[in-house]
Amino acid sequence: MKKIGSGIKSGSDRRSFLKTGMAAAGAATVGVGLLTSGKSAYAEEKGGRLDAGDAAILRFLAAAEILETDLWQQYNELGGIQDKEVPGGSGNPAYTKAIQALDADMDQYIHDNTEDELTHEQFINAYLASKGADTVNLDHFRVLESSDASGAQDIGRLTNLMQLSVDTTWYTRYRSRTKNPDFGDTFPHAIPTLAVHEHKAIPASNADLNDSNHLQAIAYTAGFHFASIEQGGTSLYASLAQRVTSVEVLRILLSIGGTEIMHFQTWQDKAGNVKPLTDVDPVTKVKVVFPDLNASPLGGEDFQTNLIMPEPTIFLSKDFPVCSIIRPTATKGAAMGALQSLTASGLFKGQSKAFFLHLTDLAEDADEASREF
């Protein structure tokens, strides 16, 4: 893999001019001299007939959907169904079989999730364009390497699925009856070893196909990554919907956000089908342990595998009765929080400083949006 790029830096007093027009200049030309300082880019952005904040939120969501499409396309090329709805790749029977250990229909689910994200990015950009607003194009950042395993396309990628640290706290967060991240609560990982070091969620080469135990560990990693990604989208749409001004834009966020919820529900169910397994990557020597989540020292409601619907928990105030909800949904810093979470997972390892500046710019603009009454 290429060397790791710079991480995310926040600060509302800093803006890059990086918008969709940067494609013509090329990522290699981007440097510190292109940054503006002490001035919001809002006045310089083209909102068209949209409220500037609504346009900024939609642009960040378009970028998020482009990134999701990129990662799901990689999963589909190896473990999904390749057809005219989701073109690219030719499939990898060994990886597909390993993924199907979680459910026999996983290839169809992966295909459909990929198609959904593709339609989301296309719709949001088309809507922005229809209102005379700037759209989002990340093609100039497609510089990361593809898997060398049979079935994958040899093209530039935006995301890296071969060096992940997967956050599995979503698993216990949605099963907790006493905690809510919006109250500052923290949660244990379902699979602690996935949260440290770097793990493959797709085979990096055909060498990863030789050991069935190792390949199964890669497939299980993917299963938990699927849910991790989609629960993030679930919260992101619910959080940013609270900031939009236009009723039509609100309708867009609620409608697409509902699909993200359906995705998460599906993947949470499948992750619970993981079987106990221990693997050591033969190349990196990184160990991963998938425990029996229903057995001691785990077990109990916080780990019970068939609890796939959000358990009721505290919401808004501890004085209210518990309620089954999406969590978190606090809106302050929602876009930047989502971006930092994705970055921390290793999803962007190998990307350039310009890439991080561009996404940070979009996130900060989205977080500065406020509802106008």
Protein backbone atom coordinates (compact mmCIF):
# COMPACT_ATOMS: atom_id res chain seq x y z
CA MET A 1 0.00 0.00 0.00
CA LYS A 2 1.07 3.59 -0.49
CA LYS A 3 2.30 5.62 2.47
CA ILE A 4 -0.25 7.00 4.89
CA GLY A 5 -1.35 10.58 4.29
CA SER A 6 -1.92 13.31 6.85
CA GLY A 7 -4.79 12.99 9.28
CA ILE A 8 -7.85 15.15 9.82
CA LYS A 9 -7.41 18.58 11.36
CA SER A 10 -10.40 20.66 12.40
CA GLY A 11 -10.90 24.38 12.93
CA SER A 12 -13.65 26.63 11.65
CA ASP A 13 -11.22 29.48 11.00
CA ARG A 14 -9.51 27.41 8.29
CA ARG A 15 -10.89 26.65 4.88
CA SER A 16 -9.38 25.24 1.77
CA PHE A 17 -10.72 26.40 -1.55
CA LEU A 18 -10.94 22.75 -2.55
CA LYS A 19 -14.28 22.22 -4.20
CA THR A 20 -15.29 20.35 -7.29
CA GLY A 21 -13.18 22.52 -9.57
CA MET A 22 -9.97 21.17 -8.09
CA ALA A 23 -10.09 18.20 -10.43
CA ALA A 24 -8.76 20.35 -13.25
CA ALA A 25 -5.79 21.52 -11.22
CA GLY A 26 -4.88 18.03 -10.00
CA ALA A 27 -4.23 16.90 -6.45
CA ALA A 28 -0.46 17.22 -6.86
CA THR A 29 -0.71 21.02 -7.12
CA VAL A 30 -2.48 21.45 -3.80
CA GLY A 31 -0.41 22.97 -1.02
CA VAL A 32 -0.56 25.21 2.00
CA GLY A 33 -0.56 28.26 -0.21
CA LEU A 34 -4.01 27.34 -1.47
CA LEU A 35 -5.63 27.67 1.94
CA THR A 36 -7.60 30.68 3.00
CA SER A 37 -7.41 31.80 6.61
CA GLY A 38 -9.73 33.56 9.00
CA LYS A 39 -12.58 33.48 6.54
CA SER A 40 -15.46 31.11 5.95
CA ALA A 41 -15.81 29.72 2.47
CA TYR A 42 -19.59 30.01 2.69
CA ALA A 43 -19.69 33.29 0.79
CA GLU A 44 -17.54 31.77 -1.97
CA GLU A 45 -19.58 28.60 -2.40
CA LYS A 46 -22.33 28.34 -4.94
CA GLY A 47 -25.56 27.52 -3.13
CA GLY A 48 -27.75 28.40 -6.09
CA ARG A 49 -31.41 28.32 -5.11
CA LEU A 50 -30.60 26.38 -1.92
CA ASP A 51 -29.90 27.78 1.51
CA ALA A 52 -26.10 27.82 1.85
CA GLY A 53 -26.24 25.54 4.87
CA ASP A 54 -28.53 23.05 3.13
CA ALA A 55 -26.17 22.97 0.15
CA ALA A 56 -23.19 22.39 2.44
CA ILE A 57 -24.93 19.51 4.20
CA LEU A 58 -25.89 17.90 0.90
CA ARG A 59 -22.34 18.26 -0.41
CA PHE A 60 -20.90 16.52 2.64
CA LEU A 61 -23.46 13.73 2.30
CA ALA A 62 -22.67 13.41 -1.42
CA ALA A 63 -19.00 12.98 -0.53
CA ALA A 64 -19.89 10.41 2.14
CA GLU A 65 -21.98 8.46 -0.36
CA ILE A 66 -19.18 8.55 -2.95
CA LEU A 67 -16.82 7.08 -0.35
CA GLU A 68 -19.39 4.45 0.62
CA THR A 69 -19.92 3.51 -3.03
CA ASP A 70 -16.17 3.09 -3.43
CA LEU A 71 -15.81 0.70 -0.50
CA TRP A 72 -18.97 -1.24 -1.29
CA GLN A 73 -17.89 -1.60 -4.92
CA GLN A 74 -14.74 -3.35 -3.69
CA TYR A 75 -16.81 -5.71 -1.56
CA ASN A 76 -19.17 -6.40 -4.45
CA GLU A 77 -16.41 -7.15 -6.95
CA LEU A 78 -15.15 -9.98 -4.74
CA GLY A 79 -18.16 -11.10 -2.72
CA GLY A 80 -21.28 -9.77 -4.40
CA ILE A 81 -23.15 -10.10 -7.68
CA GLN A 82 -21.73 -8.42 -10.76
CA ASP A 83 -24.35 -7.25 -13.25
CA LYS A 84 -25.42 -4.16 -15.18
CA GLU A 85 -26.84 -2.63 -11.99
CA VAL A 86 -23.44 -2.76 -10.27
CA PRO A 87 -20.81 -3.25 -12.99
CA GLY A 88 -17.15 -3.97 -12.37
CA GLY A 89 -15.21 -6.99 -11.15
CA SER A 90 -15.86 -10.65 -11.81
CA GLY A 91 -16.32 -12.18 -8.37
CA ASN A 92 -14.14 -14.36 -6.17
CA PRO A 93 -15.82 -17.69 -5.35
CA ALA A 94 -13.64 -18.45 -2.32
CA TYR A 95 -14.27 -15.06 -0.68
CA THR A 96 -17.95 -15.21 -1.59
CA LYS A 97 -18.26 -18.61 0.08
CA ALA A 98 -16.52 -17.31 3.22
CA ILE A 99 -18.87 -14.32 3.37
CA GLN A 100 -21.87 -16.63 2.95
CA ALA A 101 -20.98 -18.31 6.24
CA LEU A 102 -22.85 -15.33 7.75
CA ASP A 103 -25.88 -15.79 5.48
CA ALA A 104 -26.47 -17.65 2.22
CA ASP A 105 -27.80 -14.47 0.59
CA MET A 106 -24.83 -12.24 1.45
CA ASP A 107 -23.84 -11.79 -2.20
CA GLN A 108 -27.28 -10.34 -2.98
CA TYR A 109 -27.24 -8.10 0.09
CA ILE A 110 -23.77 -6.77 -0.77
CA HIS A 111 -24.91 -6.10 -4.34
CA ASP A 112 -28.02 -4.23 -3.19
CA ASN A 113 -26.17 -2.15 -0.60
CA THR A 114 -23.66 -1.16 -3.29
CA GLU A 115 -26.39 -0.15 -5.70
CA ASP A 116 -28.16 1.87 -2.99
CA GLU A 117 -25.06 3.92 -2.19
CA LEU A 118 -24.43 4.53 -5.88
CA THR A 119 -27.95 5.87 -6.36
CA HIS A 120 -27.61 8.04 -3.26
CA GLU A 121 -24.49 9.81 -4.52
CA GLN A 122 -25.96 10.24 -8.00
CA PHE A 123 -29.26 11.60 -6.70
CA ILE A 124 -27.76 14.10 -4.25
CA ASN A 125 -25.35 15.48 -6.86
CA ALA A 126 -28.16 15.70 -9.42
CA TYR A 127 -30.33 17.54 -6.91
CA LEU A 128 -27.54 20.01 -6.11
CA ALA A 129 -27.01 20.64 -9.82
CA SER A 130 -30.74 21.16 -10.38
CA LYS A 131 -30.61 23.98 -7.82
CA GLY A 132 -27.55 25.61 -9.41
CA ALA A 133 -25.33 24.53 -6.50
CA ASP A 134 -21.82 23.09 -6.55
CA THR A 135 -21.63 19.30 -6.77
CA VAL A 136 -18.97 16.89 -5.47
CA ASN A 137 -16.43 14.91 -7.47
CA LEU A 138 -13.64 12.94 -5.78
CA ASP A 139 -12.28 11.20 -8.86
CA HIS A 140 -8.91 12.96 -8.65
CA PHE A 141 -8.36 11.24 -5.28
CA ARG A 142 -8.71 7.71 -6.67
CA VAL A 143 -5.07 6.89 -5.96
CA LEU A 144 -5.22 3.91 -3.58
CA GLU A 145 -4.40 0.41 -4.76
CA SER A 146 -6.93 -2.30 -5.50
CA SER A 147 -6.80 -5.82 -4.19
CA ASP A 148 -4.69 -8.16 -6.31
CA ALA A 149 -7.06 -11.05 -5.63
CA SER A 150 -8.85 -12.61 -8.58
CA GLY A 151 -12.14 -10.83 -9.31
CA ALA A 152 -11.15 -7.29 -8.33
CA GLN A 153 -10.76 -4.50 -10.85
CA ASP A 154 -7.29 -2.98 -11.15
CA ILE A 155 -8.35 0.64 -10.72
CA GLY A 156 -7.62 3.53 -8.37
CA ARG A 157 -9.63 3.55 -5.13
CA LEU A 158 -10.68 6.18 -2.62
CA THR A 159 -10.79 3.79 0.33
CA ASN A 160 -8.55 1.10 1.81
CA LEU A 161 -10.16 -2.14 3.00
CA MET A 162 -6.90 -3.94 3.68
CA GLN A 163 -5.58 -2.05 6.72
CA LEU A 164 -8.65 -1.52 8.89
CA SER A 165 -9.18 -1.08 12.62
CA VAL A 166 -12.88 -1.85 12.98
CA ASP A 167 -14.86 -0.14 15.75
CA THR A 168 -17.33 -2.72 17.09
CA THR A 169 -18.74 -0.63 19.96
CA TRP A 170 -21.88 -0.17 17.86
CA TYR A 171 -22.75 -3.74 18.79
CA THR A 172 -23.00 -3.15 22.55
CA ARG A 173 -24.23 0.44 22.14
CA TYR A 174 -27.43 -0.71 20.45
CA ARG A 175 -28.01 -3.41 23.07
CA SER A 176 -27.52 -1.20 26.11
CA ARG A 177 -30.58 -0.17 28.12
CA THR A 178 -28.71 2.23 30.41
CA LYS A 179 -26.36 4.21 28.17
CA ASN A 180 -26.49 6.59 25.22
CA PRO A 181 -23.42 8.09 23.50
CA ASP A 182 -25.21 11.46 23.40
CA PHE A 183 -24.77 11.50 27.20
CA GLY A 184 -21.05 10.84 26.90
CA ASP A 185 -21.33 7.11 27.62
CA THR A 186 -18.79 4.64 26.25
CA PHE A 187 -19.24 1.00 25.28
CA PRO A 188 -17.11 -2.15 25.10
CA HIS A 189 -16.10 -3.65 21.78
CA ALA A 190 -17.81 -6.84 20.70
CA ILE A 191 -14.57 -7.91 19.00
CA PRO A 192 -11.74 -6.09 20.84
CA THR A 193 -8.94 -7.45 18.63
CA LEU A 194 -10.52 -5.83 15.56
CA ALA A 195 -10.15 -2.40 17.14
CA VAL A 196 -6.34 -2.61 17.28
CA HIS A 197 -3.68 -3.11 14.61
CA GLU A 198 -4.58 -3.48 10.93
CA HIS A 199 -6.93 -6.09 9.50
CA LYS A 200 -8.04 -7.10 6.02
CA ALA A 201 -11.72 -7.06 5.16
CA ILE A 202 -11.02 -8.25 1.62
CA PRO A 203 -8.18 -10.52 0.46
CA ALA A 204 -5.17 -8.47 -0.59
CA SER A 205 -4.06 -11.17 -3.03
CA ASN A 206 -4.75 -14.78 -3.91
CA ALA A 207 -2.31 -15.77 -1.17
CA ASP A 208 -5.04 -14.87 1.34
CA LEU A 209 -7.25 -17.56 -0.20
CA ASN A 210 -4.95 -20.47 0.61
CA ASP A 211 -5.83 -20.86 4.30
CA SER A 212 -9.58 -21.29 4.86
CA ASN A 213 -9.34 -20.19 8.51
CA HIS A 214 -7.52 -17.00 7.52
CA LEU A 215 -9.98 -16.28 4.72
CA GLN A 216 -12.90 -16.81 7.11
CA ALA A 217 -11.37 -14.27 9.50
CA ILE A 218 -11.19 -11.77 6.63
CA ALA A 219 -14.85 -12.42 5.81
CA TYR A 220 -15.89 -12.03 9.47
CA THR A 221 -13.96 -8.75 9.61
CA ALA A 222 -15.96 -7.58 6.60
CA GLY A 223 -19.20 -8.60 8.30
CA PHE A 224 -18.52 -6.36 11.28
CA HIS A 225 -17.22 -3.57 9.05
CA PHE A 226 -20.46 -3.63 7.03
CA ALA A 227 -22.49 -2.83 10.15
CA SER A 228 -19.94 -0.30 11.43
CA ILE A 229 -20.18 1.72 8.22
CA GLU A 230 -23.96 1.63 7.96
CA GLN A 231 -24.68 2.51 11.61
CA GLY A 232 -22.49 5.56 11.05
CA GLY A 233 -24.65 6.59 8.10
CA THR A 234 -27.77 5.96 10.15
CA SER A 235 -26.69 8.45 12.79
CA LEU A 236 -25.23 10.95 10.31
CA TYR A 237 -28.48 11.49 8.41
CA ALA A 238 -30.51 11.75 11.62
CA SER A 239 -28.03 14.25 13.08
CA LEU A 240 -27.71 16.51 10.04
CA ALA A 241 -31.46 16.49 9.33
CA GLN A 242 -31.86 18.65 12.43
CA ARG A 243 -29.85 21.44 10.76
CA VAL A 244 -31.52 21.79 7.37
CA THR A 245 -33.89 24.63 6.50
CA SER A 246 -35.74 23.42 3.40
CA VAL A 247 -38.60 20.96 3.88
CA GLU A 248 -37.62 19.32 0.59
CA VAL A 249 -34.00 18.86 1.74
CA LEU A 250 -35.35 17.46 5.02
CA ARG A 251 -37.40 15.00 2.99
CA ILE A 252 -34.26 13.91 1.13
CA LEU A 253 -32.32 13.32 4.35
CA LEU A 254 -35.14 11.43 6.04
CA SER A 255 -35.79 9.30 2.97
CA ILE A 256 -32.17 8.33 2.31
CA GLY A 257 -31.45 8.05 6.03
CA GLY A 258 -34.20 5.48 6.34
CA THR A 259 -32.40 3.30 3.80
CA GLU A 260 -29.21 3.53 5.86
CA ILE A 261 -31.20 2.25 8.85
CA MET A 262 -32.37 -0.73 6.80
CA HIS A 263 -28.78 -1.44 5.79
CA PHE A 264 -27.61 -1.38 9.40
CA GLN A 265 -30.43 -3.64 10.54
CA THR A 266 -29.45 -6.18 7.91
CA TRP A 267 -25.74 -6.17 8.73
CA GLN A 268 -26.27 -6.21 12.48
CA ASP A 269 -28.30 -9.38 12.05
CA LYS A 270 -25.62 -11.04 9.91
CA ALA A 271 -22.73 -10.09 12.21
CA GLY A 272 -24.43 -12.03 14.99
CA ASN A 273 -23.94 -15.22 12.96
CA VAL A 274 -20.16 -15.17 13.44
CA LYS A 275 -18.68 -18.38 14.87
CA PRO A 276 -15.76 -18.56 17.31
CA LEU A 277 -12.51 -18.28 15.37
CA THR A 278 -8.90 -17.27 15.99
CA ASP A 279 -6.50 -16.31 13.22
CA VAL A 280 -3.01 -14.89 12.85
CA ASP A 281 -2.30 -13.14 9.57
CA PRO A 282 0.64 -15.00 7.99
CA VAL A 283 2.15 -11.79 6.64
CA THR A 284 1.48 -9.13 9.29
CA LYS A 285 1.35 -11.56 12.26
CA VAL A 286 -1.68 -9.65 13.56
CA LYS A 287 -4.02 -11.80 15.64
CA VAL A 288 -7.80 -11.57 15.62
CA VAL A 289 -10.19 -13.43 17.90
CA PHE A 290 -13.90 -13.79 17.20
CA PRO A 291 -15.38 -15.06 20.49
CA ASP A 292 -18.67 -16.76 21.25
CA LEU A 293 -20.65 -13.59 21.95
CA ASN A 294 -23.35 -15.48 23.84
CA ALA A 295 -21.01 -17.27 26.24
CA SER A 296 -19.14 -16.21 29.37
CA PRO A 297 -17.23 -13.98 29.95
CA LEU A 298 -19.42 -12.17 27.42
CA GLY A 299 -23.08 -13.08 27.03
CA GLY A 300 -26.00 -11.25 28.60
CA GLU A 301 -28.13 -8.66 26.90
CA ASP A 302 -25.22 -6.44 25.85
CA PHE A 303 -23.78 -9.21 23.67
CA GLN A 304 -26.82 -11.36 22.79
CA THR A 305 -26.58 -12.06 19.08
CA ASN A 306 -30.30 -12.14 18.20
CA LEU A 307 -31.03 -8.69 19.66
CA ILE A 308 -30.97 -6.88 16.33
CA MET A 309 -33.52 -4.16 17.15
CA PRO A 310 -32.38 -1.14 19.21
CA GLU A 311 -32.98 -1.80 22.88
CA PRO A 312 -34.77 1.09 24.66
CA THR A 313 -32.38 3.50 26.36
CA ILE A 314 -32.21 7.00 27.81
CA PHE A 315 -33.07 9.81 25.37
CA LEU A 316 -33.02 13.62 25.67
CA SER A 317 -33.25 13.50 29.47
CA LYS A 318 -32.81 10.85 32.14
CA ASP A 319 -36.11 12.09 33.55
CA PHE A 320 -37.99 10.59 30.58
CA PRO A 321 -38.87 6.92 30.18
CA VAL A 322 -36.42 4.91 28.08
CA CYS A 323 -37.09 4.82 24.34
CA SER A 324 -35.87 2.72 21.40
CA ILE A 325 -33.88 5.13 19.21
CA ILE A 326 -31.08 5.67 16.72
CA ARG A 327 -27.92 6.53 18.64
CA PRO A 328 -26.15 8.92 18.56
CA THR A 329 -28.25 11.75 17.09
CA ALA A 330 -26.67 14.82 18.70
CA THR A 331 -26.14 17.27 15.86
CA LYS A 332 -23.17 19.34 17.06
CA GLY A 333 -20.05 18.35 15.16
CA ALA A 334 -21.84 15.43 13.50
CA ALA A 335 -20.12 15.69 10.12
CA MET A 336 -16.63 16.13 11.53
CA GLY A 337 -17.24 13.33 14.01
CA ALA A 338 -18.22 11.00 11.19
CA LEU A 339 -15.14 11.94 9.18
CA GLN A 340 -12.81 11.48 12.14
CA SER A 341 -14.33 8.08 12.86
CA LEU A 342 -13.78 6.90 9.30
CA THR A 343 -10.23 8.22 9.37
CA ALA A 344 -9.46 6.49 12.66
CA SER A 345 -10.60 3.18 11.17
CA GLY A 346 -7.83 3.29 8.57
CA LEU A 347 -10.29 3.55 5.71
CA PHE A 348 -8.25 6.35 4.12
CA LYS A 349 -4.73 5.05 4.75
CA GLY A 350 -2.56 6.09 1.83
CA GLN A 351 -4.57 9.17 0.92
CA SER A 352 -2.97 12.57 0.36
CA LYS A 353 -3.03 15.67 2.51
CA ALA A 354 -5.18 17.31 -0.16
CA PHE A 355 -7.79 14.57 0.27
CA PHE A 356 -8.03 15.17 4.02
CA LEU A 357 -8.16 18.94 3.56
CA HIS A 358 -10.97 18.61 1.03
CA LEU A 359 -13.12 16.35 3.21
CA THR A 360 -12.41 18.44 6.30
CA ASP A 361 -13.57 21.51 4.40
CA LEU A 362 -16.82 19.81 3.44
CA ALA A 363 -17.40 18.54 6.99
CA GLU A 364 -16.77 21.91 8.60
CA ASP A 365 -19.15 23.64 6.21
CA ALA A 366 -21.84 21.06 6.97
CA ASP A 367 -21.35 21.48 10.72
CA GLU A 368 -21.63 25.27 10.45
CA ALA A 369 -25.04 24.98 8.81
CA SER A 370 -27.94 26.02 11.00
CA ARG A 371 -31.69 25.93 10.61
CA GLU A 372 -33.24 29.28 9.70
CA PHE A 373 -36.63 29.90 11.27
